[in-house]
C-alpha atoms as a PDB file:
ATOM      1  CA  UNK A   1       0.000   0.000   0.000  1.00  0.00           C
ATOM      2  CA  UNK A   2       1.388   3.408  -0.962  1.00  0.00           C
ATOM      3  CA  UNK A   3       1.837   5.921   1.879  1.00  0.00           C
ATOM      4  CA  UNK A   4      -0.241   9.089   2.232  1.00  0.00           C
ATOM      5  CA  UNK A   5       0.924  12.704   2.233  1.00  0.00           C
ATOM      6  CA  UNK A   6      -0.861  14.796   4.903  1.00  0.00           C
ATOM      7  CA  UNK A   7      -0.536  18.554   4.278  1.00  0.00           C
ATOM      8  CA  UNK A   8      -1.010  21.076   7.086  1.00  0.00           C
ATOM      9  CA  UNK A   9      -2.772  23.951   5.337  1.00  0.00           C
ATOM     10  CA  UNK A  10      -5.163  25.245   7.988  1.00  0.00           C
ATOM     11  CA  UNK A  11      -3.098  28.042   9.557  1.00  0.00           C
ATOM     12  CA  UNK A  12      -4.208  31.649   9.408  1.00  0.00           C
ATOM     13  CA  UNK A  13      -0.854  32.927   8.095  1.00  0.00           C
ATOM     14  CA  UNK A  14      -0.916  35.863  10.521  1.00  0.00           C
ATOM     15  CA  UNK A  15       2.718  36.842   9.932  1.00  0.00           C
ATOM     16  CA  UNK A  16       2.512  36.409   6.170  1.00  0.00           C
ATOM     17  CA  UNK A  17      -0.579  38.546   5.781  1.00  0.00           C
ATOM     18  CA  UNK A  18      -2.646  36.430   3.366  1.00  0.00           C
ATOM     19  CA  UNK A  19      -3.522  32.864   2.388  1.00  0.00           C
ATOM     20  CA  UNK A  20       0.036  31.846   1.527  1.00  0.00           C
ATOM     21  CA  UNK A  21      -1.055  28.208   1.122  1.00  0.00           C
ATOM     22  CA  UNK A  22      -2.652  29.131  -2.222  1.00  0.00           C
ATOM     23  CA  UNK A  23      -0.346  31.988  -3.201  1.00  0.00           C
ATOM     24  CA  UNK A  24       1.443  31.574  -6.540  1.00  0.00           C
ATOM     25  CA  UNK A  25       5.234  31.095  -6.577  1.00  0.00           C
ATOM     26  CA  UNK A  26       5.970  29.294  -9.845  1.00  0.00           C
ATOM     27  CA  UNK A  27       6.012  30.808 -13.363  1.00  0.00           C
ATOM     28  CA  UNK A  28       2.379  29.727 -13.913  1.00  0.00           C
ATOM     29  CA  UNK A  29       1.195  30.641 -10.410  1.00  0.00           C
ATOM     30  CA  UNK A  30       2.056  27.195  -9.020  1.00  0.00           C
ATOM     31  CA  UNK A  31       1.801  27.102  -5.235  1.00  0.00           C
ATOM     32  CA  UNK A  32       4.463  25.587  -3.005  1.00  0.00           C
ATOM     33  CA  UNK A  33       1.936  22.814  -2.379  1.00  0.00           C
ATOM     34  CA  UNK A  34       2.024  22.062  -6.126  1.00  0.00           C
ATOM     35  CA  UNK A  35       5.765  21.403  -5.960  1.00  0.00           C
ATOM     36  CA  UNK A  36       5.358  19.308  -2.824  1.00  0.00           C
ATOM     37  CA  UNK A  37       2.708  17.117  -4.454  1.00  0.00           C
ATOM     38  CA  UNK A  38       4.701  16.882  -7.694  1.00  0.00           C
ATOM     39  CA  UNK A  39       7.690  15.566  -5.718  1.00  0.00           C
ATOM     40  CA  UNK A  40       5.466  13.275  -3.632  1.00  0.00           C
ATOM     41  CA  UNK A  41       3.937  11.670  -6.740  1.00  0.00           C
ATOM     42  CA  UNK A  42       7.403  11.197  -8.217  1.00  0.00           C
ATOM     43  CA  UNK A  43       8.615   9.627  -4.978  1.00  0.00           C
ATOM     44  CA  UNK A  44       5.704   7.164  -4.772  1.00  0.00           C
ATOM     45  CA  UNK A  45       2.965   8.530  -2.508  1.00  0.00           C
ATOM     46  CA  UNK A  46      -0.538   7.295  -3.338  1.00  0.00           C
ATOM     47  CA  UNK A  47      -2.831   9.859  -1.724  1.00  0.00           C
ATOM     48  CA  UNK A  48      -2.756  13.458  -0.543  1.00  0.00           C
ATOM     49  CA  UNK A  49      -4.953  14.704   2.313  1.00  0.00           C
ATOM     50  CA  UNK A  50      -5.343  18.454   2.864  1.00  0.00           C
ATOM     51  CA  UNK A  51      -5.990  19.748   6.386  1.00  0.00           C
ATOM     52  CA  UNK A  52      -7.806  23.065   5.892  1.00  0.00           C
ATOM     53  CA  UNK A  53     -10.513  25.270   7.311  1.00  0.00           C
ATOM     54  CA  UNK A  54     -13.876  24.221   5.925  1.00  0.00           C
ATOM     55  CA  UNK A  55     -14.565  27.668   4.456  1.00  0.00           C
ATOM     56  CA  UNK A  56     -11.536  27.276   2.151  1.00  0.00           C
ATOM     57  CA  UNK A  57     -12.489  23.902   0.668  1.00  0.00           C
ATOM     58  CA  UNK A  58     -13.918  25.353  -2.557  1.00  0.00           C
ATOM     59  CA  UNK A  59     -10.753  27.406  -3.112  1.00  0.00           C
ATOM     60  CA  UNK A  60      -8.554  24.353  -2.657  1.00  0.00           C
ATOM     61  CA  UNK A  61     -10.663  22.130  -4.888  1.00  0.00           C
ATOM     62  CA  UNK A  62     -10.684  24.780  -7.618  1.00  0.00           C
ATOM     63  CA  UNK A  63      -6.905  24.966  -7.525  1.00  0.00           C
ATOM     64  CA  UNK A  64      -5.958  21.298  -7.134  1.00  0.00           C
ATOM     65  CA  UNK A  65      -8.692  18.907  -8.265  1.00  0.00           C
ATOM     66  CA  UNK A  66      -8.386  19.271 -12.043  1.00  0.00           C
ATOM     67  CA  UNK A  67      -4.604  19.188 -12.142  1.00  0.00           C
ATOM     68  CA  UNK A  68      -4.319  16.189  -9.782  1.00  0.00           C
ATOM     69  CA  UNK A  69      -7.123  14.127 -11.317  1.00  0.00           C
ATOM     70  CA  UNK A  70      -5.703  10.773 -12.452  1.00  0.00           C
ATOM     71  CA  UNK A  71      -2.313  11.500 -10.846  1.00  0.00           C
ATOM     72  CA  UNK A  72      -2.987  10.990  -7.141  1.00  0.00           C
ATOM     73  CA  UNK A  73      -6.032  10.452  -4.911  1.00  0.00           C
ATOM     74  CA  UNK A  74      -7.140  13.470  -2.857  1.00  0.00           C
ATOM     75  CA  UNK A  75      -9.142  14.061   0.301  1.00  0.00           C
ATOM     76  CA  UNK A  76      -9.969  17.061   2.511  1.00  0.00           C
ATOM     77  CA  UNK A  77     -10.369  17.242   6.274  1.00  0.00           C
ATOM     78  CA  UNK A  78     -11.219  20.234   8.423  1.00  0.00           C
ATOM     79  CA  UNK A  79      -9.542  21.626  11.512  1.00  0.00           C
ATOM     80  CA  UNK A  80     -12.179  23.312  13.669  1.00  0.00           C
ATOM     81  CA  UNK A  81     -12.947  24.305  17.238  1.00  0.00           C
ATOM     82  CA  UNK A  82     -15.357  21.459  18.074  1.00  0.00           C
ATOM     83  CA  UNK A  83     -13.953  19.721  21.165  1.00  0.00           C
ATOM     84  CA  UNK A  84     -16.924  17.380  21.655  1.00  0.00           C
ATOM     85  CA  UNK A  85     -15.579  15.050  18.949  1.00  0.00           C
ATOM     86  CA  UNK A  86     -12.613  14.286  21.219  1.00  0.00           C
ATOM     87  CA  UNK A  87     -14.773  13.639  24.269  1.00  0.00           C
ATOM     88  CA  UNK A  88     -14.010  17.066  25.760  1.00  0.00           C
ATOM     89  CA  UNK A  89     -17.124  18.588  27.293  1.00  0.00           C
ATOM     90  CA  UNK A  90     -15.998  22.203  26.920  1.00  0.00           C
ATOM     91  CA  UNK A  91     -16.710  25.106  24.596  1.00  0.00           C
ATOM     92  CA  UNK A  92     -13.687  27.388  24.309  1.00  0.00           C
ATOM     93  CA  UNK A  93     -13.744  30.439  22.064  1.00  0.00           C
ATOM     94  CA  UNK A  94     -10.393  31.023  20.374  1.00  0.00           C
ATOM     95  CA  UNK A  95      -9.246  33.184  17.479  1.00  0.00           C
ATOM     96  CA  UNK A  96      -6.747  30.551  16.248  1.00  0.00           C
ATOM     97  CA  UNK A  97      -6.900  26.738  16.109  1.00  0.00           C
ATOM     98  CA  UNK A  98      -5.077  24.606  18.671  1.00  0.00           C
ATOM     99  CA  UNK A  99      -1.914  24.010  16.607  1.00  0.00           C
ATOM    100  CA  UNK A 100      -0.321  21.378  14.388  1.00  0.00           C
ATOM    101  CA  UNK A 101      -0.785  18.452  16.778  1.00  0.00           C
ATOM    102  CA  UNK A 102      -4.498  19.199  16.891  1.00  0.00           C
ATOM    103  CA  UNK A 103      -4.604  19.645  13.109  1.00  0.00           C
ATOM    104  CA  UNK A 104      -3.410  16.142  12.280  1.00  0.00           C
ATOM    105  CA  UNK A 105      -6.233  14.670  14.370  1.00  0.00           C
ATOM    106  CA  UNK A 106      -8.659  15.922  11.720  1.00  0.00           C
ATOM    107  CA  UNK A 107      -7.321  13.161   9.445  1.00  0.00           C
ATOM    108  CA  UNK A 108      -7.673  10.304  11.909  1.00  0.00           C
ATOM    109  CA  UNK A 109     -10.743   8.841  10.161  1.00  0.00           C
ATOM    110  CA  UNK A 110      -9.434   9.014   6.558  1.00  0.00           C
ATOM    111  CA  UNK A 111      -5.915   7.580   6.905  1.00  0.00           C
ATOM    112  CA  UNK A 112      -5.452   3.846   7.478  1.00  0.00           C
ATOM    113  CA  UNK A 113      -1.945   3.508   6.026  1.00  0.00           C
ATOM    114  CA  UNK A 114       1.547   4.821   6.896  1.00  0.00           C
ATOM    115  CA  UNK A 115       1.665   8.558   6.296  1.00  0.00           C
ATOM    116  CA  UNK A 116       3.846  11.604   6.536  1.00  0.00           C
ATOM    117  CA  UNK A 117       3.004  15.144   7.639  1.00  0.00           C
ATOM    118  CA  UNK A 118       4.323  18.321   5.992  1.00  0.00           C
ATOM    119  CA  UNK A 119       3.695  22.070   6.160  1.00  0.00           C
ATOM    120  CA  UNK A 120       1.888  23.635   3.211  1.00  0.00           C
ATOM    121  CA  UNK A 121       4.254  26.605   3.077  1.00  0.00           C
ATOM    122  CA  UNK A 122       7.569  24.726   3.169  1.00  0.00           C
ATOM    123  CA  UNK A 123       9.508  23.511   0.129  1.00  0.00           C
ATOM    124  CA  UNK A 124      11.248  20.277   1.132  1.00  0.00           C
ATOM    125  CA  UNK A 125      12.841  18.921  -2.054  1.00  0.00           C
ATOM    126  CA  UNK A 126      12.561  15.582  -3.872  1.00  0.00           C
ATOM    127  CA  UNK A 127      15.239  13.751  -1.840  1.00  0.00           C
ATOM    128  CA  UNK A 128      13.249  14.245   1.359  1.00  0.00           C
ATOM    129  CA  UNK A 129      10.124  12.672  -0.171  1.00  0.00           C
ATOM    130  CA  UNK A 130      12.082   9.773  -1.660  1.00  0.00           C
ATOM    131  CA  UNK A 131      13.740   9.023   1.674  1.00  0.00           C
ATOM    132  CA  UNK A 132      10.420   9.206   3.513  1.00  0.00           C
ATOM    133  CA  UNK A 133       8.663   6.890   1.034  1.00  0.00           C
ATOM    134  CA  UNK A 134      11.488   4.373   1.448  1.00  0.00           C
ATOM    135  CA  UNK A 135      11.086   4.541   5.224  1.00  0.00           C
ATOM    136  CA  UNK A 136       7.284   4.316   5.164  1.00  0.00           C
ATOM    137  CA  UNK A 137       7.275   1.311   2.814  1.00  0.00           C
ATOM    138  CA  UNK A 138      10.247  -0.622   4.251  1.00  0.00           C
ATOM    139  CA  UNK A 139      10.843   0.296   7.898  1.00  0.00           C
ATOM    140  CA  UNK A 140       7.942   1.984   9.663  1.00  0.00           C
ATOM    141  CA  UNK A 141       6.100   0.197  12.485  1.00  0.00           C
ATOM    142  CA  UNK A 142       3.902   1.530  15.323  1.00  0.00           C
ATOM    143  CA  UNK A 143       7.101   1.510  17.413  1.00  0.00           C
ATOM    144  CA  UNK A 144       9.425   2.964  14.788  1.00  0.00           C
ATOM    145  CA  UNK A 145       8.762   6.389  13.280  1.00  0.00           C
ATOM    146  CA  UNK A 146      10.898   8.980  11.506  1.00  0.00           C
ATOM    147  CA  UNK A 147      11.451  12.655  10.833  1.00  0.00           C
ATOM    148  CA  UNK A 148      13.424  14.456   8.142  1.00  0.00           C
ATOM    149  CA  UNK A 149      16.148  16.607   9.719  1.00  0.00           C
ATOM    150  CA  UNK A 150      17.420  19.894   8.260  1.00  0.00           C
ATOM    151  CA  UNK A 151      20.423  21.937   9.399  1.00  0.00           C
ATOM    152  CA  UNK A 152      19.089  24.974  11.230  1.00  0.00           C
ATOM    153  CA  UNK A 153      21.323  27.365   9.287  1.00  0.00           C
ATOM    154  CA  UNK A 154      19.446  26.432   6.113  1.00  0.00           C
ATOM    155  CA  UNK A 155      15.969  27.051   7.519  1.00  0.00           C
ATOM    156  CA  UNK A 156      15.887  30.663   8.736  1.00  0.00           C
ATOM    157  CA  UNK A 157      14.255  33.829   7.453  1.00  0.00           C
ATOM    158  CA  UNK A 158      16.048  37.139   6.981  1.00  0.00           C
ATOM    159  CA  UNK A 159      12.823  38.927   7.878  1.00  0.00           C
ATOM    160  CA  UNK A 160      12.059  37.854  11.424  1.00  0.00           C
ATOM    161  CA  UNK A 161      12.014  35.081  14.009  1.00  0.00           C
ATOM    162  CA  UNK A 162      10.710  31.577  13.198  1.00  0.00           C
ATOM    163  CA  UNK A 163       9.595  28.562  15.222  1.00  0.00           C
ATOM    164  CA  UNK A 164      11.801  25.478  15.053  1.00  0.00           C
ATOM    165  CA  UNK A 165      11.795  22.086  16.735  1.00  0.00           C
ATOM    166  CA  UNK A 166      15.384  21.835  18.022  1.00  0.00           C
ATOM    167  CA  UNK A 167      16.535  18.214  17.989  1.00  0.00           C
ATOM    168  CA  UNK A 168      19.060  16.269  20.018  1.00  0.00           C
ATOM    169  CA  UNK A 169      20.168  13.287  17.930  1.00  0.00           C
ATOM    170  CA  UNK A 170      22.099  10.201  19.100  1.00  0.00           C
ATOM    171  CA  UNK A 171      25.326   9.078  17.443  1.00  0.00           C
ATOM    172  CA  UNK A 172      23.401   6.320  15.641  1.00  0.00           C
ATOM    173  CA  UNK A 173      20.856   8.773  14.213  1.00  0.00           C
ATOM    174  CA  UNK A 174      17.874   8.535  16.561  1.00  0.00           C
ATOM    175  CA  UNK A 175      15.923  11.386  18.097  1.00  0.00           C
ATOM    176  CA  UNK A 176      16.659  11.822  21.796  1.00  0.00           C
ATOM    177  CA  UNK A 177      14.846  15.081  22.481  1.00  0.00           C
ATOM    178  CA  UNK A 178      12.985  17.853  20.688  1.00  0.00           C
ATOM    179  CA  UNK A 179      12.201  21.296  22.058  1.00  0.00           C
ATOM    180  CA  UNK A 180      10.013  23.797  20.243  1.00  0.00           C
ATOM    181  CA  UNK A 181      11.706  27.204  20.168  1.00  0.00           C
ATOM    182  CA  UNK A 182       9.272  29.841  18.970  1.00  0.00           C
ATOM    183  CA  UNK A 183      11.748  32.695  18.359  1.00  0.00           C
ATOM    184  CA  UNK A 184      14.793  31.522  16.377  1.00  0.00           C
ATOM    185  CA  UNK A 185      16.708  33.998  14.237  1.00  0.00           C
ATOM    186  CA  UNK A 186      20.139  34.800  12.756  1.00  0.00           C
ATOM    187  CA  UNK A 187      22.221  37.253  14.753  1.00  0.00           C
ATOM    188  CA  UNK A 188      25.281  38.229  12.710  1.00  0.00           C
ATOM    189  CA  UNK A 189      27.316  35.047  12.222  1.00  0.00           C
ATOM    190  CA  UNK A 190      25.396  33.325  15.011  1.00  0.00           C
ATOM    191  CA  UNK A 191      22.013  31.651  15.348  1.00  0.00           C
ATOM    192  CA  UNK A 192      20.104  32.330  18.548  1.00  0.00           C
ATOM    193  CA  UNK A 193      16.783  31.627  20.149  1.00  0.00           C
ATOM    194  CA  UNK A 194      15.039  34.101  22.416  1.00  0.00           C
ATOM    195  CA  UNK A 195      13.345  33.170  25.657  1.00  0.00           C
ATOM    196  CA  UNK A 196      12.274  35.373  28.581  1.00  0.00           C
ATOM    197  CA  UNK A 197      14.053  38.373  27.038  1.00  0.00           C
ATOM    198  CA  UNK A 198      17.346  36.466  26.877  1.00  0.00           C
ATOM    199  CA  UNK A 199      19.218  35.131  23.811  1.00  0.00           C
ATOM    200  CA  UNK A 200      20.916  31.733  23.678  1.00  0.00           C
ATOM    201  CA  UNK A 201      23.246  30.541  20.868  1.00  0.00           C
ATOM    202  CA  UNK A 202      22.626  27.436  18.730  1.00  0.00           C
ATOM    203  CA  UNK A 203      25.259  25.552  16.674  1.00  0.00           C
ATOM    204  CA  UNK A 204      24.793  26.201  12.944  1.00  0.00           C
ATOM    205  CA  UNK A 205      24.624  22.451  12.208  1.00  0.00           C
ATOM    206  CA  UNK A 206      21.872  21.781  14.767  1.00  0.00           C
ATOM    207  CA  UNK A 207      19.250  19.519  13.203  1.00  0.00           C
ATOM    208  CA  UNK A 208      15.703  20.815  13.349  1.00  0.00           C
ATOM    209  CA  UNK A 209      12.280  19.444  12.580  1.00  0.00           C
ATOM    210  CA  UNK A 210      10.466  21.218   9.757  1.00  0.00           C
ATOM    211  CA  UNK A 211       7.313  19.211  10.516  1.00  0.00           C
ATOM    212  CA  UNK A 212       8.182  16.420   8.067  1.00  0.00           C
ATOM    213  CA  UNK A 213       7.213  13.363  10.125  1.00  0.00           C
ATOM    214  CA  UNK A 214       6.543   9.726   9.266  1.00  0.00           C
ATOM    215  CA  UNK A 215       3.919   7.801  11.273  1.00  0.00           C
ATOM    216  CA  UNK A 216       1.468   4.927  11.260  1.00  0.00           C
ATOM    217  CA  UNK A 217      -2.231   5.529  12.158  1.00  0.00           C
ATOM    218  CA  UNK A 218      -1.536   4.371  15.725  1.00  0.00           C
ATOM    219  CA  UNK A 219      -0.034   7.836  16.316  1.00  0.00           C
ATOM    220  CA  UNK A 220      -3.541   9.326  16.115  1.00  0.00           C
ATOM    221  CA  UNK A 221      -4.597   7.383  19.214  1.00  0.00           C
ATOM    222  CA  UNK A 222      -1.734   8.784  21.285  1.00  0.00           C
ATOM    223  CA  UNK A 223      -2.198  12.307  19.887  1.00  0.00           C
ATOM    224  CA  UNK A 224      -5.908  12.349  20.743  1.00  0.00           C
ATOM    225  CA  UNK A 225      -5.270  11.280  24.332  1.00  0.00           C
ATOM    226  CA  UNK A 226      -2.543  13.917  24.728  1.00  0.00           C
ATOM    227  CA  UNK A 227      -4.757  16.583  23.187  1.00  0.00           C
ATOM    228  CA  UNK A 228      -7.525  15.920  25.710  1.00  0.00           C
ATOM    229  CA  UNK A 229      -5.031  16.399  28.540  1.00  0.00           C
ATOM    230  CA  UNK A 230      -3.593  19.518  26.889  1.00  0.00           C
ATOM    231  CA  UNK A 231      -6.968  21.224  26.481  1.00  0.00           C
ATOM    232  CA  UNK A 232      -7.979  20.608  30.082  1.00  0.00           C
ATOM    233  CA  UNK A 233      -4.648  21.990  31.282  1.00  0.00           C
ATOM    234  CA  UNK A 234      -4.770  25.028  28.970  1.00  0.00           C
ATOM    235  CA  UNK A 235      -8.469  25.874  28.839  1.00  0.00           C
ATOM    236  CA  UNK A 236      -7.795  29.367  30.205  1.00  0.00           C
ATOM    237  CA  UNK A 237      -4.813  29.981  27.907  1.00  0.00           C
ATOM    238  CA  UNK A 238      -6.365  31.067  24.610  1.00  0.00           C
ATOM    239  CA  UNK A 239      -3.006  31.187  22.766  1.00  0.00           C
ATOM    240  CA  UNK A 240      -1.657  27.785  23.863  1.00  0.00           C
ATOM    241  CA  UNK A 241      -0.798  25.503  20.938  1.00  0.00           C
ATOM    242  CA  UNK A 242      -0.537  21.733  20.802  1.00  0.00           C
ATOM    243  CA  UNK A 243       2.386  20.946  18.481  1.00  0.00           C
ATOM    244  CA  UNK A 244       3.352  17.751  16.654  1.00  0.00           C
ATOM    245  CA  UNK A 245       6.711  17.755  18.520  1.00  0.00           C
ATOM    246  CA  UNK A 246       4.670  17.562  21.750  1.00  0.00           C
ATOM    247  CA  UNK A 247       3.251  14.264  20.480  1.00  0.00           C
ATOM    248  CA  UNK A 248       6.702  13.073  19.374  1.00  0.00           C
ATOM    249  CA  UNK A 249       8.218  13.930  22.759  1.00  0.00           C
ATOM    250  CA  UNK A 250       5.486  12.017  24.597  1.00  0.00           C
ATOM    251  CA  UNK A 251       6.032   8.996  22.349  1.00  0.00           C
ATOM    252  CA  UNK A 252       9.776   9.165  23.016  1.00  0.00           C
ATOM    253  CA  UNK A 253       9.291   9.487  26.753  1.00  0.00           C
ATOM    254  CA  UNK A 254       7.011   6.456  26.777  1.00  0.00           C
ATOM    255  CA  UNK A 255      10.007   4.300  25.868  1.00  0.00           C
ATOM    256  CA  UNK A 256       7.832   2.351  23.430  1.00  0.00           C
ATOM    257  CA  UNK A 257       8.596   4.337  20.259  1.00  0.00           C
ATOM    258  CA  UNK A 258      11.731   5.591  18.562  1.00  0.00           C
ATOM    259  CA  UNK A 259      12.248   8.107  15.759  1.00  0.00           C
ATOM    260  CA  UNK A 260      14.932   7.759  13.137  1.00  0.00           C
ATOM    261  CA  UNK A 261      16.226  11.171  12.084  1.00  0.00           C
ATOM    262  CA  UNK A 262      16.772  11.116   8.328  1.00  0.00           C
ATOM    263  CA  UNK A 263      19.128  13.895   7.224  1.00  0.00           C
ATOM    264  CA  UNK A 264      18.557  15.281   3.741  1.00  0.00           C
ATOM    265  CA  UNK A 265      20.603  17.343   1.324  1.00  0.00           C
ATOM    266  CA  UNK A 266      17.402  18.655  -0.268  1.00  0.00           C
ATOM    267  CA  UNK A 267      17.135  22.397  -0.620  1.00  0.00           C
ATOM    268  CA  UNK A 268      14.642  23.772   1.909  1.00  0.00           C
ATOM    269  CA  UNK A 269      12.992  27.156   1.804  1.00  0.00           C
ATOM    270  CA  UNK A 270       9.835  28.599   3.286  1.00  0.00           C
ATOM    271  CA  UNK A 271       7.624  31.666   3.359  1.00  0.00           C
ATOM    272  CA  UNK A 272       6.952  32.662   6.939  1.00  0.00           C
ATOM    273  CA  UNK A 273       6.838  36.361   6.001  1.00  0.00           C
ATOM    274  CA  UNK A 274       5.605  38.216   2.923  1.00  0.00           C
ATOM    275  CA  UNK A 275       9.188  39.384   2.337  1.00  0.00           C
ATOM    276  CA  UNK A 276      10.263  35.736   1.929  1.00  0.00           C
ATOM    277  CA  UNK A 277       8.237  35.385  -1.281  1.00  0.00           C
ATOM    278  CA  UNK A 278      10.806  36.818  -3.766  1.00  0.00           C
ATOM    279  CA  UNK A 279      13.474  34.489  -2.349  1.00  0.00           C
ATOM    280  CA  UNK A 280      11.175  31.479  -2.777  1.00  0.00           C
ATOM    281  CA  UNK A 281      10.272  32.524  -6.323  1.00  0.00           C
ATOM    282  CA  UNK A 282      13.945  32.958  -7.213  1.00  0.00           C
ATOM    283  CA  UNK A 283      14.775  29.523  -5.769  1.00  0.00           C
ATOM    284  CA  UNK A 284      12.034  27.879  -7.820  1.00  0.00           C
ATOM    285  CA  UNK A 285      13.157  29.722 -10.953  1.00  0.00           C
ATOM    286  CA  UNK A 286      16.677  28.382 -10.444  1.00  0.00           C
ATOM    287  CA  UNK A 287      15.440  24.807  -9.945  1.00  0.00           C
ATOM    288  CA  UNK A 288      13.525  25.095 -13.225  1.00  0.00           C
ATOM    289  CA  UNK A 289      16.661  26.386 -14.993  1.00  0.00           C
ATOM    290  CA  UNK A 290      18.597  23.458 -13.528  1.00  0.00           C
ATOM    291  CA  UNK A 291      16.064  21.041 -15.044  1.00  0.00           C
ATOM    292  CA  UNK A 292      14.663  19.837 -11.705  1.00  0.00           C
ATOM    293  CA  UNK A 293      11.127  20.903 -12.634  1.00  0.00           C
ATOM    294  CA  UNK A 294       9.334  21.656 -15.908  1.00  0.00           C
ATOM    295  CA  UNK A 295       8.373  25.283 -16.447  1.00  0.00           C
ATOM    296  CA  UNK A 296       4.711  24.296 -16.573  1.00  0.00           C
ATOM    297  CA  UNK A 297       4.504  21.840 -13.707  1.00  0.00           C
ATOM    298  CA  UNK A 298       1.330  19.969 -14.612  1.00  0.00           C
ATOM    299  CA  UNK A 299       1.311  20.225 -18.411  1.00  0.00           C
END
């Protein structure tokens, strides 16, 4: 059975200023998602599932359905504020969803096969997809998961701080710890993260998670249980977010699951801020000139 690609596309893009998930970056207005799916099809994924807000479903279908028809199966799931579906008898009004860990739970009823999770606004590169497909078809078990690791120096924005899952990796390539740092930025020749008005340096070759994870459906069961606990603990904190690394850390701490960290030499770039767009467009233009992608991606 071919693995599934699960795309996190439900964020509000508050720092970017618009719906960057469907913003055009390629020469024919291709989105970054287009390039991700193109690489995923080439690597051997069999289905793509979009996690979106329900009000955007028509926009997404208009953009993706025709071009993907006959190339890969598609499905859509919705991240919303309904807590009753998780057995949580609370109604909490929030302006933003509960985060990436909550988002993946929206897909728990439509994925029965090994799957990977990616961000809609990150360009990961073909090698990352090929390595993940190999893992998901040959190695993955409910006790053995994976994440693609990128060097932190290759994942920053020149236009402001970013969130990164900072990884500690064993000598034999397994994840030992992951800590979400929400304010990581370049500072001259250094890389730092900010916390409580202090700055702390990070080695330039630190491996980080860019939310490219490989799981089996059993991960949904653990994530749902953790989410219930998280909501009850944070019901008064209307900005608290439940991240995928929170799920990964709990799985690690259980002692029952390990994560292989798969380093990649793929070129990564992202669009956290509006000012990142010209850099992303230039990178895609260069990849087209290098013959990595056709100028018209789906023709």
